[in-house]
Each structure stands twice: as C-alpha cells, then as structure tokens.
Amino acid sequence: MEIATLALAFGKSLLLALAAVLPILNPPASAPVFVNLTRELDGRTRRTLATRIGINVVLMLSGAMLIGTYVLDFFGVSIPIVRVAGGLIVAFTAWNLLYAQQVVNTDKAAMARSLVDDDNVRIQAFYPMTFPLTCGPGSISAAITVGAALHSRNWTITGANFAGGLVGMALVGLLVLLTYRYAGRLLRPLGDVGLVVFLRLSAFI
C-alpha cells in the first residue's frame, strides 16, 4: 500500500470528521451559554472547566465514532434512522434557542453558583456542561455517521480513515477548549445585547 494512498485516506477522513461534526457542535454558538453559566467563577476555575469540557468532547465523539455503529447493529438501528433523528434533534434545539426567552440575571447567578468550587466543577464538567450543552445528541449522531462512513474492505485503509477521524475529533475538542477558555475576551466587545443577537443568529444558522 502506497504512503500517498494512506495519506489521502487520512486527509479525507480528517476533513469529513470536521465537516460533519463541527457545524453541528458549533463552539462559538455555545460560548455565550458557557459565559453566562460561569460568569461568577474565577479565571482559574473557568480555565479548568474549559479544559475538562474539551477533553470530554474528544472522548465522547471518538467513542461514538469508534463503537457507535456496532451498538446500533446490536440494537438493530440503521444509520439513516440515526441521521434523521439527529437532524430532528438539532432542528428542535436550534428552534428552542431561537425563540427562547432571555434568562434573567438571578437565574444565571443561581446556575453559576452550582459550579463555584473545584469539586462541583469536576462533577458538572461532564453533565450538564459537556452533555448536553456542548456536545448533544445531534453531535453524537453525526460522529456515529462519520464512523460508519470510515469503514473499508481494506483494513489498512480503514486504519488510516479512523486515524484521520480521531485527529479530526481531537481538533474539534481543542477548538471547544480554546473557544471556551477565551470566550469572555472574545464576546466582551459584543455586550449583553450583542450576546443575545449572536446566540439567535447562531441558532438560526
């Protein structure tokens, strides 16, 4: 097997993973939610939380991509059903974000107080901050679909495909980590009104 062929398979799988998962996960759209929920946390705790969320996203997406198709086969669920269900979930979530009423400041503070200390950060970094706020059912279904598309009759090509897919999921997690870590600086110029507008536009897109 030529190295060029493996490199091509790797590159295609990397681009496929990014193109399929990144628009649905959409870290910039989740950044305003992260900023609102962590508004009262200190900088060190916020950075720790962002790092844990990024790692959790990589683990969840990689696991869904690697073993998701086998789990579906075990339960007799087809890939087209997962695609339709995932699309409906993404559309429903975006619709709720688009027409949701703005959360009052007291509610934001109450939600943020549940993440104040390090112990709670460890517990809630996965739920609800990673799942479902950042990486929801739509992203997981997209990762499963990517995993199903990476299989090949040639085991060497399959290995290169999954290597590219794993690197793609790692890049998605890194983008989530960086977006959340610097979300305050990036979104501060928008102000409160700008955050609401940005969130609505992201939900529409």
N, C-alpha and C. Protein backbone atom coordinates (compact mmCIF):
# COMPACT_ATOMS: atom_id res chain seq x y z
N MET A 1 0.85 -1.19 0.00
CA MET A 1 0.00 0.00 0.00
C MET A 1 0.88 1.24 0.00
N GLU A 2 0.66 2.13 -0.94
CA GLU A 2 1.48 3.32 -1.04
C GLU A 2 1.16 4.30 0.07
N ILE A 3 2.21 5.02 0.49
CA ILE A 3 2.04 6.01 1.55
C ILE A 3 1.11 7.13 1.09
N ALA A 4 1.19 7.48 -0.19
CA ALA A 4 0.33 8.54 -0.71
C ALA A 4 -1.14 8.17 -0.60
N THR A 5 -1.46 6.89 -0.83
CA THR A 5 -2.85 6.44 -0.72
C THR A 5 -3.34 6.54 0.71
N LEU A 6 -2.50 6.12 1.65
CA LEU A 6 -2.87 6.21 3.07
C LEU A 6 -3.00 7.66 3.51
N ALA A 7 -2.10 8.51 3.04
CA ALA A 7 -2.17 9.92 3.40
C ALA A 7 -3.44 10.56 2.85
N LEU A 8 -3.82 10.16 1.64
CA LEU A 8 -5.06 10.69 1.05
C LEU A 8 -6.28 10.24 1.84
N ALA A 9 -6.29 8.96 2.24
CA ALA A 9 -7.40 8.46 3.06
C ALA A 9 -7.45 9.18 4.41
N PHE A 10 -6.28 9.40 4.99
CA PHE A 10 -6.20 10.12 6.27
C PHE A 10 -6.76 11.53 6.13
N GLY A 11 -6.33 12.24 5.09
CA GLY A 11 -6.78 13.62 4.90
C GLY A 11 -8.27 13.72 4.63
N LYS A 12 -8.79 12.81 3.80
CA LYS A 12 -10.23 12.83 3.52
C LYS A 12 -11.05 12.57 4.78
N SER A 13 -10.60 11.61 5.60
CA SER A 13 -11.33 11.30 6.83
C SER A 13 -11.26 12.45 7.81
N LEU A 14 -10.11 13.11 7.88
CA LEU A 14 -9.98 14.28 8.75
C LEU A 14 -10.95 15.38 8.34
N LEU A 15 -11.01 15.68 7.06
CA LEU A 15 -11.93 16.71 6.58
C LEU A 15 -13.38 16.29 6.77
N LEU A 16 -13.68 14.99 6.56
CA LEU A 16 -15.04 14.51 6.75
C LEU A 16 -15.49 14.69 8.19
N ALA A 17 -14.62 14.33 9.13
CA ALA A 17 -14.97 14.46 10.55
C ALA A 17 -15.21 15.92 10.92
N LEU A 18 -14.36 16.81 10.46
CA LEU A 18 -14.53 18.23 10.77
C LEU A 18 -15.80 18.79 10.13
N ALA A 19 -16.02 18.44 8.86
CA ALA A 19 -17.17 18.98 8.14
C ALA A 19 -18.49 18.45 8.69
N ALA A 20 -18.50 17.22 9.20
CA ALA A 20 -19.75 16.63 9.68
C ALA A 20 -20.10 17.06 11.10
N VAL A 21 -19.08 17.16 11.96
CA VAL A 21 -19.35 17.38 13.39
C VAL A 21 -19.29 18.86 13.77
N LEU A 22 -18.31 19.58 13.23
CA LEU A 22 -18.08 20.96 13.68
C LEU A 22 -19.26 21.89 13.47
N PRO A 23 -19.96 21.86 12.31
CA PRO A 23 -21.10 22.77 12.16
C PRO A 23 -22.24 22.47 13.13
N ILE A 24 -22.40 21.21 13.53
CA ILE A 24 -23.48 20.86 14.46
C ILE A 24 -23.08 21.21 15.89
N LEU A 25 -21.86 20.87 16.27
CA LEU A 25 -21.40 21.19 17.62
C LEU A 25 -21.26 22.70 17.81
N ASN A 26 -20.66 23.38 16.82
CA ASN A 26 -20.65 24.85 16.74
C ASN A 26 -20.21 25.51 18.05
N PRO A 27 -18.93 25.42 18.41
CA PRO A 27 -18.46 26.01 19.68
C PRO A 27 -18.78 27.50 19.85
N PRO A 28 -18.65 28.35 18.81
CA PRO A 28 -18.99 29.76 19.03
C PRO A 28 -20.43 29.99 19.46
N ALA A 29 -21.34 29.12 19.02
CA ALA A 29 -22.74 29.28 19.43
C ALA A 29 -22.95 28.89 20.88
N SER A 30 -22.12 27.96 21.40
CA SER A 30 -22.23 27.55 22.79
C SER A 30 -21.46 28.47 23.73
N ALA A 31 -20.55 29.28 23.18
CA ALA A 31 -19.72 30.15 24.01
C ALA A 31 -20.54 31.13 24.85
N PRO A 32 -21.58 31.81 24.31
CA PRO A 32 -22.37 32.69 25.17
C PRO A 32 -23.03 31.97 26.33
N VAL A 33 -23.50 30.74 26.11
CA VAL A 33 -24.09 29.97 27.20
C VAL A 33 -23.05 29.67 28.26
N PHE A 34 -21.85 29.27 27.82
CA PHE A 34 -20.76 28.99 28.76
C PHE A 34 -20.41 30.24 29.57
N VAL A 35 -20.34 31.39 28.91
CA VAL A 35 -20.01 32.63 29.61
C VAL A 35 -21.07 32.97 30.64
N ASN A 36 -22.34 32.80 30.28
CA ASN A 36 -23.42 33.12 31.21
C ASN A 36 -23.41 32.20 32.43
N LEU A 37 -23.15 30.91 32.21
CA LEU A 37 -23.18 29.95 33.31
C LEU A 37 -21.96 30.04 34.22
N THR A 38 -20.88 30.62 33.72
CA THR A 38 -19.65 30.70 34.51
C THR A 38 -19.27 32.14 34.83
N ARG A 39 -20.23 33.03 34.77
CA ARG A 39 -19.94 34.45 34.95
C ARG A 39 -19.33 34.74 36.31
N GLU A 40 -19.74 34.02 37.35
CA GLU A 40 -19.28 34.31 38.70
C GLU A 40 -18.08 33.47 39.12
N LEU A 41 -17.53 32.69 38.23
CA LEU A 41 -16.37 31.86 38.56
C LEU A 41 -15.09 32.65 38.36
N ASP A 42 -14.06 32.28 39.13
CA ASP A 42 -12.76 32.92 38.93
C ASP A 42 -12.11 32.36 37.67
N GLY A 43 -11.05 33.05 37.22
CA GLY A 43 -10.42 32.70 35.96
C GLY A 43 -9.82 31.30 35.96
N ARG A 44 -9.19 30.89 37.06
CA ARG A 44 -8.56 29.58 37.12
C ARG A 44 -9.60 28.48 37.03
N THR A 45 -10.71 28.62 37.74
CA THR A 45 -11.76 27.61 37.71
C THR A 45 -12.40 27.54 36.33
N ARG A 46 -12.57 28.69 35.69
CA ARG A 46 -13.15 28.72 34.35
C ARG A 46 -12.24 28.03 33.34
N ARG A 47 -10.93 28.25 33.47
CA ARG A 47 -9.99 27.59 32.56
C ARG A 47 -9.97 26.08 32.78
N THR A 48 -10.03 25.66 34.06
CA THR A 48 -10.08 24.23 34.37
C THR A 48 -11.33 23.59 33.78
N LEU A 49 -12.45 24.29 33.91
CA LEU A 49 -13.71 23.78 33.39
C LEU A 49 -13.66 23.67 31.86
N ALA A 50 -13.09 24.68 31.20
CA ALA A 50 -12.98 24.64 29.74
C ALA A 50 -12.11 23.48 29.28
N THR A 51 -11.02 23.22 30.00
CA THR A 51 -10.13 22.11 29.64
C THR A 51 -10.85 20.78 29.79
N ARG A 52 -11.56 20.60 30.88
CA ARG A 52 -12.28 19.34 31.11
C ARG A 52 -13.38 19.14 30.07
N ILE A 53 -14.06 20.20 29.70
CA ILE A 53 -15.10 20.08 28.69
C ILE A 53 -14.50 19.67 27.35
N GLY A 54 -13.36 20.29 26.98
CA GLY A 54 -12.71 19.93 25.73
C GLY A 54 -12.29 18.47 25.70
N ILE A 55 -11.73 17.97 26.80
CA ILE A 55 -11.33 16.56 26.87
C ILE A 55 -12.54 15.65 26.79
N ASN A 56 -13.60 16.01 27.49
CA ASN A 56 -14.82 15.19 27.45
C ASN A 56 -15.42 15.14 26.06
N VAL A 57 -15.37 16.25 25.34
CA VAL A 57 -15.89 16.28 23.97
C VAL A 57 -15.11 15.32 23.08
N VAL A 58 -13.77 15.33 23.20
CA VAL A 58 -12.94 14.42 22.40
C VAL A 58 -13.29 12.97 22.72
N LEU A 59 -13.41 12.63 23.99
CA LEU A 59 -13.71 11.25 24.39
C LEU A 59 -15.08 10.81 23.90
N MET A 60 -16.08 11.68 24.03
CA MET A 60 -17.43 11.32 23.61
C MET A 60 -17.51 11.13 22.11
N LEU A 61 -16.97 12.08 21.35
CA LEU A 61 -17.06 11.98 19.90
C LEU A 61 -16.24 10.81 19.37
N SER A 62 -15.05 10.60 19.93
CA SER A 62 -14.22 9.48 19.48
C SER A 62 -14.88 8.14 19.79
N GLY A 63 -15.45 8.02 21.00
CA GLY A 63 -16.14 6.79 21.35
C GLY A 63 -17.33 6.52 20.46
N ALA A 64 -18.12 7.58 20.17
CA ALA A 64 -19.27 7.41 19.28
C ALA A 64 -18.84 7.00 17.89
N MET A 65 -17.73 7.58 17.41
CA MET A 65 -17.26 7.26 16.07
C MET A 65 -16.73 5.83 15.99
N LEU A 66 -16.05 5.37 17.04
CA LEU A 66 -15.41 4.05 17.01
C LEU A 66 -16.38 2.91 17.22
N ILE A 67 -17.28 3.05 18.18
CA ILE A 67 -18.13 1.91 18.56
C ILE A 67 -19.61 2.16 18.31
N GLY A 68 -19.95 3.37 17.84
CA GLY A 68 -21.37 3.70 17.67
C GLY A 68 -22.08 2.77 16.70
N THR A 69 -21.43 2.44 15.58
CA THR A 69 -22.09 1.59 14.58
C THR A 69 -22.33 0.19 15.11
N TYR A 70 -21.40 -0.31 15.93
CA TYR A 70 -21.58 -1.66 16.50
C TYR A 70 -22.74 -1.68 17.50
N VAL A 71 -22.87 -0.61 18.27
CA VAL A 71 -24.00 -0.52 19.20
C VAL A 71 -25.31 -0.47 18.44
N LEU A 72 -25.34 0.29 17.33
CA LEU A 72 -26.56 0.36 16.53
C LEU A 72 -26.89 -0.99 15.91
N ASP A 73 -25.87 -1.68 15.43
CA ASP A 73 -26.11 -3.01 14.86
C ASP A 73 -26.66 -3.97 15.90
N PHE A 74 -26.18 -3.85 17.14
CA PHE A 74 -26.64 -4.73 18.21
C PHE A 74 -28.13 -4.52 18.49
N PHE A 75 -28.56 -3.26 18.43
CA PHE A 75 -29.97 -2.96 18.70
C PHE A 75 -30.81 -2.92 17.43
N GLY A 76 -30.20 -3.17 16.27
CA GLY A 76 -30.95 -3.21 15.03
C GLY A 76 -31.39 -1.86 14.52
N VAL A 77 -30.62 -0.82 14.82
CA VAL A 77 -30.95 0.54 14.37
C VAL A 77 -30.07 0.87 13.17
N SER A 78 -30.66 1.39 12.10
CA SER A 78 -29.91 1.69 10.89
C SER A 78 -29.34 3.10 10.95
N ILE A 79 -28.31 3.35 10.13
CA ILE A 79 -27.68 4.66 10.06
C ILE A 79 -28.65 5.74 9.55
N PRO A 80 -29.47 5.46 8.51
CA PRO A 80 -30.42 6.50 8.09
C PRO A 80 -31.35 6.96 9.20
N ILE A 81 -31.78 6.05 10.07
CA ILE A 81 -32.63 6.44 11.20
C ILE A 81 -31.89 7.38 12.13
N VAL A 82 -30.60 7.08 12.38
CA VAL A 82 -29.80 7.95 13.25
C VAL A 82 -29.64 9.33 12.62
N ARG A 83 -29.43 9.38 11.31
CA ARG A 83 -29.29 10.66 10.63
C ARG A 83 -30.56 11.50 10.75
N VAL A 84 -31.71 10.87 10.52
CA VAL A 84 -32.97 11.60 10.61
C VAL A 84 -33.23 12.07 12.04
N ALA A 85 -33.03 11.16 13.00
CA ALA A 85 -33.27 11.52 14.40
C ALA A 85 -32.32 12.62 14.86
N GLY A 86 -31.04 12.50 14.49
CA GLY A 86 -30.08 13.53 14.86
C GLY A 86 -30.43 14.87 14.25
N GLY A 87 -30.87 14.87 12.98
CA GLY A 87 -31.27 16.11 12.35
C GLY A 87 -32.47 16.75 13.02
N LEU A 88 -33.43 15.93 13.42
CA LEU A 88 -34.60 16.46 14.12
C LEU A 88 -34.22 17.06 15.47
N ILE A 89 -33.29 16.41 16.17
CA ILE A 89 -32.86 16.93 17.47
C ILE A 89 -32.14 18.26 17.30
N VAL A 90 -31.26 18.33 16.29
CA VAL A 90 -30.55 19.59 16.04
C VAL A 90 -31.53 20.70 15.70
N ALA A 91 -32.51 20.41 14.85
CA ALA A 91 -33.50 21.41 14.46
C ALA A 91 -34.34 21.84 15.67
N PHE A 92 -34.73 20.89 16.51
CA PHE A 92 -35.53 21.22 17.68
C PHE A 92 -34.75 22.08 18.67
N THR A 93 -33.48 21.74 18.88
CA THR A 93 -32.64 22.52 19.80
C THR A 93 -32.44 23.93 19.28
N ALA A 94 -32.16 24.05 17.98
CA ALA A 94 -31.96 25.38 17.40
C ALA A 94 -33.24 26.22 17.47
N TRP A 95 -34.38 25.57 17.27
CA TRP A 95 -35.65 26.29 17.35
C TRP A 95 -35.88 26.83 18.76
N ASN A 96 -35.57 26.02 19.77
CA ASN A 96 -35.73 26.48 21.15
C ASN A 96 -34.80 27.64 21.46
N LEU A 97 -33.54 27.56 20.96
CA LEU A 97 -32.61 28.66 21.19
C LEU A 97 -33.06 29.92 20.47
N LEU A 98 -33.64 29.76 19.30
CA LEU A 98 -34.04 30.91 18.50
C LEU A 98 -35.19 31.67 19.14
N TYR A 99 -36.12 30.95 19.77
CA TYR A 99 -37.31 31.59 20.31
C TYR A 99 -37.37 31.56 21.83
N ALA A 100 -36.27 31.15 22.47
CA ALA A 100 -36.27 31.10 23.93
C ALA A 100 -36.26 32.50 24.51
N GLN A 101 -36.93 32.64 25.66
CA GLN A 101 -36.90 33.90 26.38
C GLN A 101 -35.55 34.06 27.06
N GLN A 102 -35.08 35.30 27.16
CA GLN A 102 -33.79 35.56 27.77
C GLN A 102 -33.84 35.23 29.26
N VAL A 103 -32.81 34.51 29.73
CA VAL A 103 -32.76 34.13 31.14
C VAL A 103 -32.42 35.36 31.97
N VAL A 104 -33.16 35.57 33.06
CA VAL A 104 -32.90 36.72 33.90
C VAL A 104 -31.61 36.53 34.66
N ASN A 105 -31.02 37.63 35.13
CA ASN A 105 -29.71 37.57 35.77
C ASN A 105 -29.71 36.75 37.04
N THR A 106 -30.82 36.74 37.79
CA THR A 106 -30.86 35.95 39.02
C THR A 106 -30.77 34.46 38.71
N ASP A 107 -31.41 34.04 37.62
CA ASP A 107 -31.34 32.64 37.23
C ASP A 107 -29.93 32.28 36.78
N LYS A 108 -29.27 33.18 36.07
CA LYS A 108 -27.89 32.94 35.66
C LYS A 108 -26.99 32.78 36.87
N ALA A 109 -27.17 33.65 37.85
CA ALA A 109 -26.34 33.57 39.05
C ALA A 109 -26.58 32.27 39.81
N ALA A 110 -27.85 31.85 39.87
CA ALA A 110 -28.15 30.60 40.57
C ALA A 110 -27.51 29.41 39.87
N MET A 111 -27.54 29.40 38.54
CA MET A 111 -26.91 28.31 37.81
C MET A 111 -25.40 28.35 37.97
N ALA A 112 -24.82 29.53 37.99
CA ALA A 112 -23.37 29.64 38.11
C ALA A 112 -22.90 29.24 39.50
N ARG A 113 -23.69 29.51 40.54
CA ARG A 113 -23.26 29.17 41.90
C ARG A 113 -23.08 27.67 42.09
N SER A 114 -23.75 26.85 41.27
CA SER A 114 -23.59 25.41 41.38
C SER A 114 -22.24 24.93 40.88
N LEU A 115 -21.45 25.83 40.26
CA LEU A 115 -20.14 25.46 39.73
C LEU A 115 -19.00 26.18 40.43
N VAL A 116 -19.26 26.74 41.60
CA VAL A 116 -18.28 27.63 42.21
C VAL A 116 -17.02 26.92 42.65
N ASP A 117 -17.12 25.77 43.32
CA ASP A 117 -15.92 25.14 43.84
C ASP A 117 -15.40 24.06 42.91
N ASP A 118 -14.15 23.64 43.17
CA ASP A 118 -13.47 22.69 42.28
C ASP A 118 -14.17 21.34 42.22
N ASP A 119 -14.73 20.88 43.35
CA ASP A 119 -15.39 19.57 43.36
C ASP A 119 -16.58 19.56 42.41
N ASN A 120 -17.39 20.61 42.47
CA ASN A 120 -18.54 20.68 41.58
C ASN A 120 -18.12 20.84 40.12
N VAL A 121 -16.99 21.49 39.88
CA VAL A 121 -16.50 21.61 38.51
C VAL A 121 -16.19 20.24 37.95
N ARG A 122 -15.55 19.38 38.75
CA ARG A 122 -15.22 18.04 38.28
C ARG A 122 -16.49 17.25 37.97
N ILE A 123 -17.50 17.40 38.81
CA ILE A 123 -18.74 16.65 38.63
C ILE A 123 -19.53 17.15 37.44
N GLN A 124 -19.69 18.47 37.36
CA GLN A 124 -20.59 19.05 36.36
C GLN A 124 -19.88 19.43 35.07
N ALA A 125 -18.58 19.18 34.97
CA ALA A 125 -17.90 19.42 33.70
C ALA A 125 -18.46 18.51 32.62
N PHE A 126 -18.88 17.29 33.00
CA PHE A 126 -19.49 16.41 32.01
C PHE A 126 -20.96 16.71 31.85
N TYR A 127 -21.70 16.66 32.95
CA TYR A 127 -23.14 16.94 32.88
C TYR A 127 -23.46 18.09 33.83
N PRO A 128 -23.99 19.19 33.36
CA PRO A 128 -24.56 19.39 32.01
C PRO A 128 -23.67 20.15 31.04
N MET A 129 -22.43 20.52 31.46
CA MET A 129 -21.64 21.42 30.63
C MET A 129 -21.18 20.77 29.32
N THR A 130 -20.72 19.50 29.39
CA THR A 130 -20.33 18.82 28.15
C THR A 130 -21.54 18.25 27.45
N PHE A 131 -22.30 17.45 28.18
CA PHE A 131 -23.52 16.85 27.63
C PHE A 131 -24.70 17.26 28.49
N PRO A 132 -25.69 17.93 27.95
CA PRO A 132 -25.95 18.14 26.51
C PRO A 132 -25.65 19.55 26.01
N LEU A 133 -25.10 20.46 26.88
CA LEU A 133 -24.97 21.85 26.47
C LEU A 133 -23.98 22.03 25.32
N THR A 134 -22.86 21.30 25.36
CA THR A 134 -21.85 21.46 24.32
C THR A 134 -21.96 20.38 23.24
N CYS A 135 -21.91 19.14 23.66
CA CYS A 135 -21.95 18.01 22.73
C CYS A 135 -23.24 17.23 22.99
N GLY A 136 -24.25 17.53 22.20
CA GLY A 136 -25.55 16.93 22.40
C GLY A 136 -25.80 15.73 21.51
N PRO A 137 -27.02 15.23 21.50
CA PRO A 137 -27.36 14.06 20.67
C PRO A 137 -27.09 14.28 19.19
N GLY A 138 -27.26 15.51 18.70
CA GLY A 138 -27.01 15.77 17.29
C GLY A 138 -25.55 15.55 16.92
N SER A 139 -24.63 16.03 17.77
CA SER A 139 -23.20 15.85 17.51
C SER A 139 -22.81 14.38 17.61
N ILE A 140 -23.40 13.69 18.57
CA ILE A 140 -23.08 12.26 18.72
C ILE A 140 -23.58 11.46 17.52
N SER A 141 -24.78 11.77 17.04
CA SER A 141 -25.29 11.06 15.87
C SER A 141 -24.44 11.36 14.64
N ALA A 142 -23.93 12.59 14.53
CA ALA A 142 -23.04 12.92 13.41
C ALA A 142 -21.74 12.13 13.51
N ALA A 143 -21.21 11.98 14.73
CA ALA A 143 -19.98 11.20 14.91
C ALA A 143 -20.20 9.73 14.57
N ILE A 144 -21.35 9.20 14.93
CA ILE A 144 -21.67 7.80 14.57
C ILE A 144 -21.75 7.65 13.06
N THR A 145 -22.36 8.62 12.39
CA THR A 145 -22.45 8.57 10.94
C THR A 145 -21.07 8.63 10.29
N VAL A 146 -20.19 9.45 10.84
CA VAL A 146 -18.82 9.52 10.33
C VAL A 146 -18.13 8.18 10.49
N GLY A 147 -18.29 7.55 11.66
CA GLY A 147 -17.67 6.25 11.90
C GLY A 147 -18.16 5.20 10.92
N ALA A 148 -19.44 5.25 10.58
CA ALA A 148 -19.97 4.28 9.62
C ALA A 148 -19.39 4.49 8.23
N ALA A 149 -19.07 5.74 7.88
CA ALA A 149 -18.53 6.03 6.55
C ALA A 149 -17.05 5.72 6.43
N LEU A 150 -16.37 5.50 7.55
CA LEU A 150 -14.92 5.29 7.52
C LEU A 150 -14.53 3.84 7.31
N HIS A 151 -15.48 2.93 7.39
CA HIS A 151 -15.15 1.52 7.19
C HIS A 151 -14.84 1.24 5.72
N SER A 152 -13.87 0.35 5.51
CA SER A 152 -13.46 -0.04 4.16
C SER A 152 -13.16 -1.54 4.15
N ARG A 153 -13.17 -2.11 2.96
CA ARG A 153 -12.84 -3.54 2.85
C ARG A 153 -11.36 -3.80 3.12
N ASN A 154 -10.55 -2.78 2.92
CA ASN A 154 -9.11 -2.89 3.18
C ASN A 154 -8.83 -2.41 4.60
N TRP A 155 -8.26 -3.29 5.43
CA TRP A 155 -8.02 -2.94 6.83
C TRP A 155 -7.02 -1.80 6.97
N THR A 156 -6.05 -1.73 6.07
CA THR A 156 -5.07 -0.64 6.15
C THR A 156 -5.73 0.71 5.87
N ILE A 157 -6.58 0.73 4.85
CA ILE A 157 -7.32 1.97 4.55
C ILE A 157 -8.25 2.33 5.71
N THR A 158 -8.89 1.31 6.29
CA THR A 158 -9.77 1.56 7.43
C THR A 158 -9.00 2.18 8.59
N GLY A 159 -7.79 1.66 8.85
CA GLY A 159 -6.97 2.22 9.92
C GLY A 159 -6.60 3.67 9.65
N ALA A 160 -6.24 3.98 8.40
CA ALA A 160 -5.91 5.36 8.06
C ALA A 160 -7.14 6.26 8.17
N ASN A 161 -8.29 5.72 7.77
CA ASN A 161 -9.53 6.50 7.88
C ASN A 161 -9.84 6.86 9.33
N PHE A 162 -9.76 5.86 10.20
CA PHE A 162 -10.09 6.13 11.60
C PHE A 162 -9.04 6.99 12.27
N ALA A 163 -7.78 6.88 11.84
CA ALA A 163 -6.75 7.77 12.38
C ALA A 163 -7.07 9.22 12.03
N GLY A 164 -7.47 9.45 10.78
CA GLY A 164 -7.87 10.80 10.38
C GLY A 164 -9.09 11.28 11.13
N GLY A 165 -10.07 10.37 11.34
CA GLY A 165 -11.26 10.74 12.09
C GLY A 165 -10.96 11.10 13.54
N LEU A 166 -10.05 10.34 14.17
CA LEU A 166 -9.68 10.63 15.55
C LEU A 166 -8.97 11.98 15.67
N VAL A 167 -8.09 12.26 14.71
CA VAL A 167 -7.43 13.57 14.72
C VAL A 167 -8.45 14.68 14.53
N GLY A 168 -9.45 14.45 13.67
CA GLY A 168 -10.50 15.44 13.48
C GLY A 168 -11.28 15.69 14.76
N MET A 169 -11.62 14.62 15.50
CA MET A 169 -12.34 14.80 16.76
C MET A 169 -11.47 15.51 17.79
N ALA A 170 -10.16 15.22 17.78
CA ALA A 170 -9.25 15.91 18.70
C ALA A 170 -9.20 17.40 18.38
N LEU A 171 -9.21 17.76 17.09
CA LEU A 171 -9.20 19.16 16.71
C LEU A 171 -10.49 19.86 17.12
N VAL A 172 -11.61 19.14 17.02
CA VAL A 172 -12.89 19.71 17.46
C VAL A 172 -12.85 19.98 18.96
N GLY A 173 -12.33 19.01 19.74
CA GLY A 173 -12.22 19.22 21.17
C GLY A 173 -11.28 20.37 21.52
N LEU A 174 -10.18 20.50 20.78
CA LEU A 174 -9.24 21.60 21.02
C LEU A 174 -9.90 22.94 20.71
N LEU A 175 -10.69 22.98 19.65
CA LEU A 175 -11.39 24.22 19.32
C LEU A 175 -12.40 24.59 20.41
N VAL A 176 -13.09 23.57 20.96
CA VAL A 176 -14.02 23.83 22.07
C VAL A 176 -13.26 24.39 23.27
N LEU A 177 -12.13 23.76 23.59
CA LEU A 177 -11.31 24.21 24.74
C LEU A 177 -10.89 25.66 24.56
N LEU A 178 -10.34 26.00 23.40
CA LEU A 178 -9.84 27.36 23.18
C LEU A 178 -10.98 28.36 23.13
N THR A 179 -12.11 27.97 22.51
CA THR A 179 -13.25 28.89 22.43
C THR A 179 -13.80 29.20 23.81
N TYR A 180 -13.95 28.18 24.64
CA TYR A 180 -14.47 28.39 25.99
C TYR A 180 -13.48 29.14 26.87
N ARG A 181 -12.19 28.80 26.73
CA ARG A 181 -11.19 29.44 27.59
C ARG A 181 -11.12 30.94 27.34
N TYR A 182 -11.25 31.35 26.08
CA TYR A 182 -11.14 32.77 25.74
C TYR A 182 -12.48 33.37 25.34
N ALA A 183 -13.57 32.70 25.72
CA ALA A 183 -14.90 33.18 25.33
C ALA A 183 -15.19 34.56 25.91
N GLY A 184 -14.78 34.78 27.16
CA GLY A 184 -15.04 36.08 27.78
C GLY A 184 -14.40 37.22 27.03
N ARG A 185 -13.15 37.03 26.63
CA ARG A 185 -12.46 38.09 25.88
C ARG A 185 -13.06 38.27 24.49
N LEU A 186 -13.41 37.16 23.86
CA LEU A 186 -13.93 37.25 22.50
C LEU A 186 -15.31 37.89 22.44
N LEU A 187 -16.13 37.62 23.46
CA LEU A 187 -17.50 38.08 23.43
C LEU A 187 -17.73 39.38 24.19
N ARG A 188 -16.72 39.83 24.96
CA ARG A 188 -16.89 41.05 25.75
C ARG A 188 -17.24 42.27 24.90
N PRO A 189 -16.61 42.44 23.71
CA PRO A 189 -16.98 43.63 22.91
C PRO A 189 -18.43 43.64 22.45
N LEU A 190 -19.09 42.48 22.42
CA LEU A 190 -20.47 42.43 21.95
C LEU A 190 -21.44 43.01 22.96
N GLY A 191 -21.13 42.89 24.26
CA GLY A 191 -22.04 43.34 25.30
C GLY A 191 -23.21 42.37 25.47
N ASP A 192 -24.10 42.68 26.40
CA ASP A 192 -25.23 41.79 26.68
C ASP A 192 -26.17 41.66 25.48
N VAL A 193 -26.46 42.79 24.83
CA VAL A 193 -27.35 42.75 23.67
C VAL A 193 -26.70 41.99 22.53
N GLY A 194 -25.41 42.22 22.33
CA GLY A 194 -24.71 41.52 21.26
C GLY A 194 -24.66 40.03 21.47
N LEU A 195 -24.55 39.61 22.74
CA LEU A 195 -24.56 38.17 23.05
C LEU A 195 -25.88 37.53 22.64
N VAL A 196 -26.97 38.22 22.95
CA VAL A 196 -28.29 37.69 22.61
C VAL A 196 -28.44 37.60 21.08
N VAL A 197 -28.02 38.63 20.38
CA VAL A 197 -28.11 38.63 18.92
C VAL A 197 -27.25 37.53 18.33
N PHE A 198 -26.02 37.39 18.84
CA PHE A 198 -25.11 36.36 18.33
C PHE A 198 -25.68 34.97 18.55
N LEU A 199 -26.25 34.72 19.73
CA LEU A 199 -26.83 33.43 20.04
C LEU A 199 -28.01 33.11 19.13
N ARG A 200 -28.85 34.11 18.86
CA ARG A 200 -30.01 33.90 17.99
C ARG A 200 -29.56 33.60 16.55
N LEU A 201 -28.58 34.36 16.07
CA LEU A 201 -28.08 34.14 14.71
C LEU A 201 -27.44 32.78 14.57
N SER A 202 -26.68 32.35 15.59
CA SER A 202 -26.06 31.03 15.54
C SER A 202 -27.10 29.94 15.53
N ALA A 203 -28.16 30.10 16.32
CA ALA A 203 -29.23 29.10 16.32
C ALA A 203 -29.92 29.03 14.97
N PHE A 204 -30.11 30.18 14.34
CA PHE A 204 -30.74 30.20 13.01
C PHE A 204 -29.88 29.49 11.98
N ILE A 205 -28.56 29.77 12.01
CA ILE A 205 -27.65 29.13 11.05
C ILE A 205 -27.59 27.64 11.29
